[in-house]
Amino acid sequence: MSGLKEIIHSFDAQDSVRGAAIIGEDGLVIHDALSAGADAEAVAALAVTTMRHAEQFGSAGRCGTLRTAVLDFAEGPAILTTLGPSATLVLLARPERDLGPLLFELRSRHAALAGLL
């Protein structure tokens, strides 16, 4: 679990990320480094529900397997990435930041993150 915490904190330490969490398939928090005031339990439950609905959307549109969903909010985007069937990574990004490098890093580190679970 310590490797998992290090990776979460490495995302959290980046200038483009204001919070991070890993959520289990049951909607419970495995580990979080969310900002103070964020409701980790609600984020966890809603992340799982959001990913399930996004998967259904992808199936209806014949889009293939869901990897990452980006939700654009006024206070900054939320990025949800599957880490296999048992977990989802949630990153809360800062507004007005370029998400390209962060999304590339997520894709590049996906296997390492999933391997820690």
N, C-alpha and C. Protein backbone atom coordinates (compact mmCIF):
# COMPACT_ATOMS: atom_id res chain seq x y z
N MET A 1 0.82 -1.20 0.00
CA MET A 1 0.00 0.00 0.00
C MET A 1 0.86 1.26 0.00
N SER A 2 2.09 1.20 0.52
CA SER A 2 2.91 2.41 0.59
C SER A 2 3.26 2.92 -0.81
N GLY A 3 3.48 2.03 -1.78
CA GLY A 3 3.75 2.46 -3.14
C GLY A 3 2.56 3.17 -3.74
N LEU A 4 1.38 2.68 -3.42
CA LEU A 4 0.15 3.31 -3.88
C LEU A 4 0.02 4.71 -3.31
N LYS A 5 0.29 4.87 -2.03
CA LYS A 5 0.23 6.19 -1.40
C LYS A 5 1.24 7.15 -2.02
N GLU A 6 2.44 6.65 -2.32
CA GLU A 6 3.46 7.51 -2.94
C GLU A 6 3.00 8.02 -4.29
N ILE A 7 2.39 7.15 -5.08
CA ILE A 7 1.94 7.57 -6.40
C ILE A 7 0.81 8.59 -6.28
N ILE A 8 -0.13 8.35 -5.38
CA ILE A 8 -1.21 9.31 -5.17
C ILE A 8 -0.64 10.65 -4.74
N HIS A 9 0.29 10.63 -3.81
CA HIS A 9 0.87 11.89 -3.34
C HIS A 9 1.72 12.55 -4.42
N SER A 10 2.31 11.77 -5.33
CA SER A 10 3.07 12.39 -6.42
C SER A 10 2.13 13.14 -7.36
N PHE A 11 0.94 12.59 -7.61
CA PHE A 11 -0.04 13.33 -8.41
C PHE A 11 -0.51 14.56 -7.64
N ASP A 12 -0.77 14.39 -6.35
CA ASP A 12 -1.26 15.48 -5.52
C ASP A 12 -0.24 16.62 -5.43
N ALA A 13 1.05 16.29 -5.50
CA ALA A 13 2.10 17.30 -5.38
C ALA A 13 2.28 18.11 -6.67
N GLN A 14 1.74 17.63 -7.77
CA GLN A 14 1.89 18.35 -9.03
C GLN A 14 1.08 19.64 -9.01
N ASP A 15 1.57 20.60 -9.73
CA ASP A 15 0.92 21.91 -9.79
C ASP A 15 -0.45 21.84 -10.45
N SER A 16 -0.68 20.83 -11.28
CA SER A 16 -1.96 20.75 -12.00
C SER A 16 -3.04 19.99 -11.24
N VAL A 17 -2.68 19.34 -10.12
CA VAL A 17 -3.64 18.52 -9.37
C VAL A 17 -3.88 19.12 -8.00
N ARG A 18 -5.16 19.23 -7.62
CA ARG A 18 -5.49 19.76 -6.30
C ARG A 18 -6.00 18.69 -5.35
N GLY A 19 -6.14 17.46 -5.84
CA GLY A 19 -6.57 16.36 -4.98
C GLY A 19 -6.60 15.06 -5.76
N ALA A 20 -6.45 13.95 -5.05
CA ALA A 20 -6.45 12.64 -5.69
C ALA A 20 -7.02 11.60 -4.74
N ALA A 21 -7.59 10.55 -5.32
CA ALA A 21 -8.13 9.46 -4.51
C ALA A 21 -8.18 8.19 -5.35
N ILE A 22 -8.07 7.06 -4.67
CA ILE A 22 -8.32 5.77 -5.30
C ILE A 22 -9.56 5.20 -4.64
N ILE A 23 -10.50 4.79 -5.48
CA ILE A 23 -11.81 4.35 -5.04
C ILE A 23 -11.99 2.88 -5.41
N GLY A 24 -12.50 2.09 -4.48
CA GLY A 24 -12.79 0.68 -4.76
C GLY A 24 -14.07 0.53 -5.55
N GLU A 25 -14.25 -0.65 -6.15
CA GLU A 25 -15.44 -0.91 -6.97
C GLU A 25 -16.74 -0.82 -6.17
N ASP A 26 -16.63 -0.92 -4.85
CA ASP A 26 -17.80 -0.83 -3.98
C ASP A 26 -18.15 0.62 -3.62
N GLY A 27 -17.37 1.58 -4.14
CA GLY A 27 -17.64 2.99 -3.86
C GLY A 27 -17.03 3.49 -2.58
N LEU A 28 -16.11 2.72 -2.01
CA LEU A 28 -15.43 3.14 -0.78
C LEU A 28 -14.02 3.63 -1.10
N VAL A 29 -13.53 4.56 -0.29
CA VAL A 29 -12.20 5.13 -0.47
C VAL A 29 -11.14 4.11 -0.07
N ILE A 30 -10.19 3.84 -0.98
CA ILE A 30 -9.03 3.02 -0.64
C ILE A 30 -7.96 3.92 -0.05
N HIS A 31 -7.71 5.05 -0.71
CA HIS A 31 -6.76 6.06 -0.21
C HIS A 31 -7.12 7.39 -0.84
N ASP A 32 -6.99 8.46 -0.06
CA ASP A 32 -7.25 9.77 -0.66
C ASP A 32 -6.28 10.81 -0.15
N ALA A 33 -6.06 11.78 -1.02
CA ALA A 33 -5.29 12.97 -0.71
C ALA A 33 -6.09 14.15 -1.28
N LEU A 34 -7.37 14.17 -0.94
CA LEU A 34 -8.25 15.23 -1.41
C LEU A 34 -8.06 16.48 -0.55
N SER A 35 -8.40 17.61 -1.11
CA SER A 35 -8.25 18.86 -0.37
C SER A 35 -9.22 18.91 0.81
N ALA A 36 -8.85 19.70 1.79
CA ALA A 36 -9.73 19.89 2.96
C ALA A 36 -11.06 20.44 2.46
N GLY A 37 -12.12 19.94 3.02
CA GLY A 37 -13.44 20.38 2.61
C GLY A 37 -14.09 19.48 1.58
N ALA A 38 -13.28 18.67 0.88
CA ALA A 38 -13.85 17.72 -0.08
C ALA A 38 -14.46 16.56 0.70
N ASP A 39 -15.61 16.12 0.29
CA ASP A 39 -16.30 15.00 0.94
C ASP A 39 -15.84 13.71 0.27
N ALA A 40 -14.81 13.07 0.83
CA ALA A 40 -14.19 11.89 0.23
C ALA A 40 -15.19 10.76 0.01
N GLU A 41 -16.08 10.54 0.97
CA GLU A 41 -17.05 9.46 0.83
C GLU A 41 -18.02 9.72 -0.31
N ALA A 42 -18.48 10.95 -0.45
CA ALA A 42 -19.39 11.30 -1.55
C ALA A 42 -18.66 11.23 -2.88
N VAL A 43 -17.42 11.73 -2.92
CA VAL A 43 -16.61 11.64 -4.15
C VAL A 43 -16.48 10.18 -4.56
N ALA A 44 -16.19 9.31 -3.61
CA ALA A 44 -16.01 7.88 -3.90
C ALA A 44 -17.28 7.27 -4.47
N ALA A 45 -18.39 7.46 -3.79
CA ALA A 45 -19.65 6.87 -4.24
C ALA A 45 -20.06 7.39 -5.61
N LEU A 46 -19.91 8.69 -5.81
CA LEU A 46 -20.32 9.29 -7.08
C LEU A 46 -19.37 8.95 -8.21
N ALA A 47 -18.09 8.77 -7.91
CA ALA A 47 -17.13 8.38 -8.95
C ALA A 47 -17.49 7.02 -9.54
N VAL A 48 -17.82 6.08 -8.67
CA VAL A 48 -18.18 4.74 -9.15
C VAL A 48 -19.45 4.81 -9.99
N THR A 49 -20.44 5.55 -9.53
CA THR A 49 -21.69 5.70 -10.28
C THR A 49 -21.44 6.37 -11.63
N THR A 50 -20.63 7.42 -11.63
CA THR A 50 -20.31 8.14 -12.86
C THR A 50 -19.63 7.22 -13.86
N MET A 51 -18.67 6.42 -13.39
CA MET A 51 -17.96 5.51 -14.29
C MET A 51 -18.91 4.45 -14.85
N ARG A 52 -19.82 3.96 -14.04
CA ARG A 52 -20.78 2.96 -14.54
C ARG A 52 -21.67 3.56 -15.63
N HIS A 53 -22.12 4.78 -15.42
CA HIS A 53 -22.95 5.43 -16.44
C HIS A 53 -22.13 5.73 -17.70
N ALA A 54 -20.89 6.14 -17.53
CA ALA A 54 -20.03 6.41 -18.68
C ALA A 54 -19.77 5.13 -19.48
N GLU A 55 -19.60 4.00 -18.78
CA GLU A 55 -19.43 2.72 -19.47
C GLU A 55 -20.67 2.37 -20.28
N GLN A 56 -21.85 2.62 -19.70
CA GLN A 56 -23.10 2.35 -20.42
C GLN A 56 -23.22 3.25 -21.65
N PHE A 57 -22.81 4.50 -21.50
CA PHE A 57 -22.81 5.44 -22.62
C PHE A 57 -21.89 4.92 -23.73
N GLY A 58 -20.70 4.47 -23.34
CA GLY A 58 -19.75 3.92 -24.31
C GLY A 58 -20.29 2.69 -25.01
N SER A 59 -20.97 1.83 -24.27
CA SER A 59 -21.57 0.64 -24.88
C SER A 59 -22.64 1.03 -25.90
N ALA A 60 -23.49 1.97 -25.52
CA ALA A 60 -24.56 2.40 -26.42
C ALA A 60 -23.99 3.00 -27.70
N GLY A 61 -22.89 3.72 -27.58
CA GLY A 61 -22.27 4.35 -28.74
C GLY A 61 -21.23 3.48 -29.43
N ARG A 62 -21.06 2.25 -28.94
CA ARG A 62 -20.06 1.32 -29.47
C ARG A 62 -18.67 1.97 -29.49
N CYS A 63 -18.30 2.54 -28.34
CA CYS A 63 -17.04 3.28 -28.20
C CYS A 63 -15.89 2.43 -27.66
N GLY A 64 -16.16 1.21 -27.26
CA GLY A 64 -15.11 0.38 -26.68
C GLY A 64 -15.05 0.54 -25.17
N THR A 65 -14.00 0.01 -24.59
CA THR A 65 -13.82 0.01 -23.15
C THR A 65 -13.48 1.40 -22.63
N LEU A 66 -14.13 1.80 -21.56
CA LEU A 66 -13.85 3.10 -20.93
C LEU A 66 -12.50 3.05 -20.24
N ARG A 67 -11.68 4.05 -20.51
CA ARG A 67 -10.39 4.18 -19.82
C ARG A 67 -10.39 5.39 -18.90
N THR A 68 -10.78 6.53 -19.43
CA THR A 68 -10.72 7.78 -18.66
C THR A 68 -11.92 8.65 -19.02
N ALA A 69 -12.46 9.31 -18.00
CA ALA A 69 -13.54 10.28 -18.20
C ALA A 69 -13.07 11.61 -17.62
N VAL A 70 -13.30 12.68 -18.35
CA VAL A 70 -12.94 14.02 -17.89
C VAL A 70 -14.22 14.83 -17.77
N LEU A 71 -14.45 15.36 -16.58
CA LEU A 71 -15.63 16.19 -16.31
C LEU A 71 -15.14 17.61 -16.05
N ASP A 72 -15.63 18.56 -16.82
CA ASP A 72 -15.13 19.93 -16.74
C ASP A 72 -16.04 20.77 -15.84
N PHE A 73 -15.54 21.11 -14.66
CA PHE A 73 -16.28 21.93 -13.69
C PHE A 73 -15.66 23.32 -13.60
N ALA A 74 -16.41 24.28 -13.10
CA ALA A 74 -15.94 25.66 -12.97
C ALA A 74 -14.69 25.77 -12.10
N GLU A 75 -14.60 24.96 -11.06
CA GLU A 75 -13.46 25.02 -10.15
C GLU A 75 -12.34 24.07 -10.53
N GLY A 76 -12.43 23.48 -11.71
CA GLY A 76 -11.38 22.60 -12.21
C GLY A 76 -11.93 21.24 -12.60
N PRO A 77 -11.30 20.62 -13.59
CA PRO A 77 -11.76 19.33 -14.08
C PRO A 77 -11.57 18.20 -13.07
N ALA A 78 -12.43 17.20 -13.19
CA ALA A 78 -12.27 15.94 -12.46
C ALA A 78 -11.94 14.88 -13.50
N ILE A 79 -10.90 14.11 -13.24
CA ILE A 79 -10.47 13.06 -14.16
C ILE A 79 -10.64 11.73 -13.44
N LEU A 80 -11.39 10.82 -14.04
CA LEU A 80 -11.63 9.50 -13.47
C LEU A 80 -11.02 8.48 -14.42
N THR A 81 -10.15 7.64 -13.90
CA THR A 81 -9.45 6.64 -14.70
C THR A 81 -9.61 5.27 -14.08
N THR A 82 -9.99 4.30 -14.90
CA THR A 82 -10.12 2.94 -14.39
C THR A 82 -8.74 2.36 -14.11
N LEU A 83 -8.64 1.62 -13.03
CA LEU A 83 -7.42 0.90 -12.69
C LEU A 83 -7.73 -0.60 -12.66
N GLY A 84 -8.44 -1.05 -13.64
CA GLY A 84 -8.89 -2.43 -13.68
C GLY A 84 -10.30 -2.52 -13.12
N PRO A 85 -10.79 -3.74 -12.96
CA PRO A 85 -12.18 -3.91 -12.53
C PRO A 85 -12.43 -3.55 -11.06
N SER A 86 -11.37 -3.38 -10.28
CA SER A 86 -11.57 -3.20 -8.84
C SER A 86 -11.34 -1.80 -8.32
N ALA A 87 -10.89 -0.86 -9.15
CA ALA A 87 -10.58 0.47 -8.61
C ALA A 87 -10.63 1.55 -9.68
N THR A 88 -10.85 2.77 -9.21
CA THR A 88 -10.86 3.97 -10.05
C THR A 88 -9.98 5.02 -9.40
N LEU A 89 -9.16 5.67 -10.20
CA LEU A 89 -8.35 6.80 -9.75
C LEU A 89 -9.10 8.08 -10.06
N VAL A 90 -9.24 8.94 -9.07
CA VAL A 90 -9.89 10.24 -9.24
C VAL A 90 -8.84 11.32 -9.03
N LEU A 91 -8.69 12.20 -10.00
CA LEU A 91 -7.82 13.36 -9.87
C LEU A 91 -8.67 14.61 -10.03
N LEU A 92 -8.54 15.52 -9.10
CA LEU A 92 -9.21 16.82 -9.20
C LEU A 92 -8.15 17.82 -9.62
N ALA A 93 -8.29 18.33 -10.84
CA ALA A 93 -7.28 19.22 -11.41
C ALA A 93 -7.59 20.67 -11.08
N ARG A 94 -6.58 21.49 -11.21
CA ARG A 94 -6.74 22.92 -11.00
C ARG A 94 -7.31 23.55 -12.27
N PRO A 95 -8.14 24.58 -12.10
CA PRO A 95 -8.68 25.24 -13.29
C PRO A 95 -7.56 25.97 -14.05
N GLU A 96 -7.79 26.18 -15.31
CA GLU A 96 -6.86 26.93 -16.17
C GLU A 96 -5.49 26.27 -16.33
N ARG A 97 -5.40 24.97 -16.13
CA ARG A 97 -4.15 24.24 -16.36
C ARG A 97 -4.32 23.39 -17.62
N ASP A 98 -3.23 23.18 -18.31
CA ASP A 98 -3.23 22.32 -19.49
C ASP A 98 -3.31 20.87 -19.03
N LEU A 99 -4.37 20.18 -19.40
CA LEU A 99 -4.56 18.80 -18.98
C LEU A 99 -3.79 17.80 -19.84
N GLY A 100 -3.30 18.23 -20.98
CA GLY A 100 -2.59 17.32 -21.89
C GLY A 100 -1.48 16.53 -21.22
N PRO A 101 -0.52 17.19 -20.56
CA PRO A 101 0.56 16.45 -19.91
C PRO A 101 0.06 15.51 -18.82
N LEU A 102 -0.94 15.92 -18.08
CA LEU A 102 -1.48 15.08 -17.01
C LEU A 102 -2.17 13.84 -17.60
N LEU A 103 -2.95 14.03 -18.65
CA LEU A 103 -3.61 12.88 -19.28
C LEU A 103 -2.58 11.93 -19.90
N PHE A 104 -1.53 12.49 -20.48
CA PHE A 104 -0.46 11.65 -21.03
C PHE A 104 0.22 10.85 -19.92
N GLU A 105 0.50 11.51 -18.80
CA GLU A 105 1.13 10.81 -17.68
C GLU A 105 0.24 9.71 -17.13
N LEU A 106 -1.04 9.97 -17.04
CA LEU A 106 -1.98 8.94 -16.58
C LEU A 106 -1.93 7.72 -17.49
N ARG A 107 -1.95 7.96 -18.78
CA ARG A 107 -1.90 6.84 -19.72
C ARG A 107 -0.56 6.11 -19.62
N SER A 108 0.52 6.85 -19.47
CA SER A 108 1.85 6.24 -19.38
C SER A 108 2.04 5.43 -18.11
N ARG A 109 1.46 5.89 -17.00
CA ARG A 109 1.65 5.23 -15.70
C ARG A 109 0.52 4.27 -15.34
N HIS A 110 -0.42 4.08 -16.25
CA HIS A 110 -1.59 3.26 -15.95
C HIS A 110 -1.22 1.85 -15.49
N ALA A 111 -0.35 1.19 -16.20
CA ALA A 111 0.02 -0.19 -15.83
C ALA A 111 0.67 -0.24 -14.46
N ALA A 112 1.52 0.74 -14.15
CA ALA A 112 2.18 0.76 -12.83
C ALA A 112 1.16 0.99 -11.72
N LEU A 113 0.22 1.89 -11.95
CA LEU A 113 -0.81 2.15 -10.95
C LEU A 113 -1.69 0.92 -10.74
N ALA A 114 -2.14 0.33 -11.82
CA ALA A 114 -3.02 -0.85 -11.72
C ALA A 114 -2.28 -2.01 -11.07
N GLY A 115 -0.99 -2.12 -11.31
CA GLY A 115 -0.20 -3.21 -10.74
C GLY A 115 -0.04 -3.13 -9.23
N LEU A 116 -0.26 -1.96 -8.65
CA LEU A 116 -0.11 -1.80 -7.21
C LEU A 116 -1.33 -2.25 -6.42
N LEU A 117 -2.43 -2.46 -7.11
CA LEU A 117 -3.67 -2.85 -6.40
C LEU A 117 -3.70 -4.32 -6.09
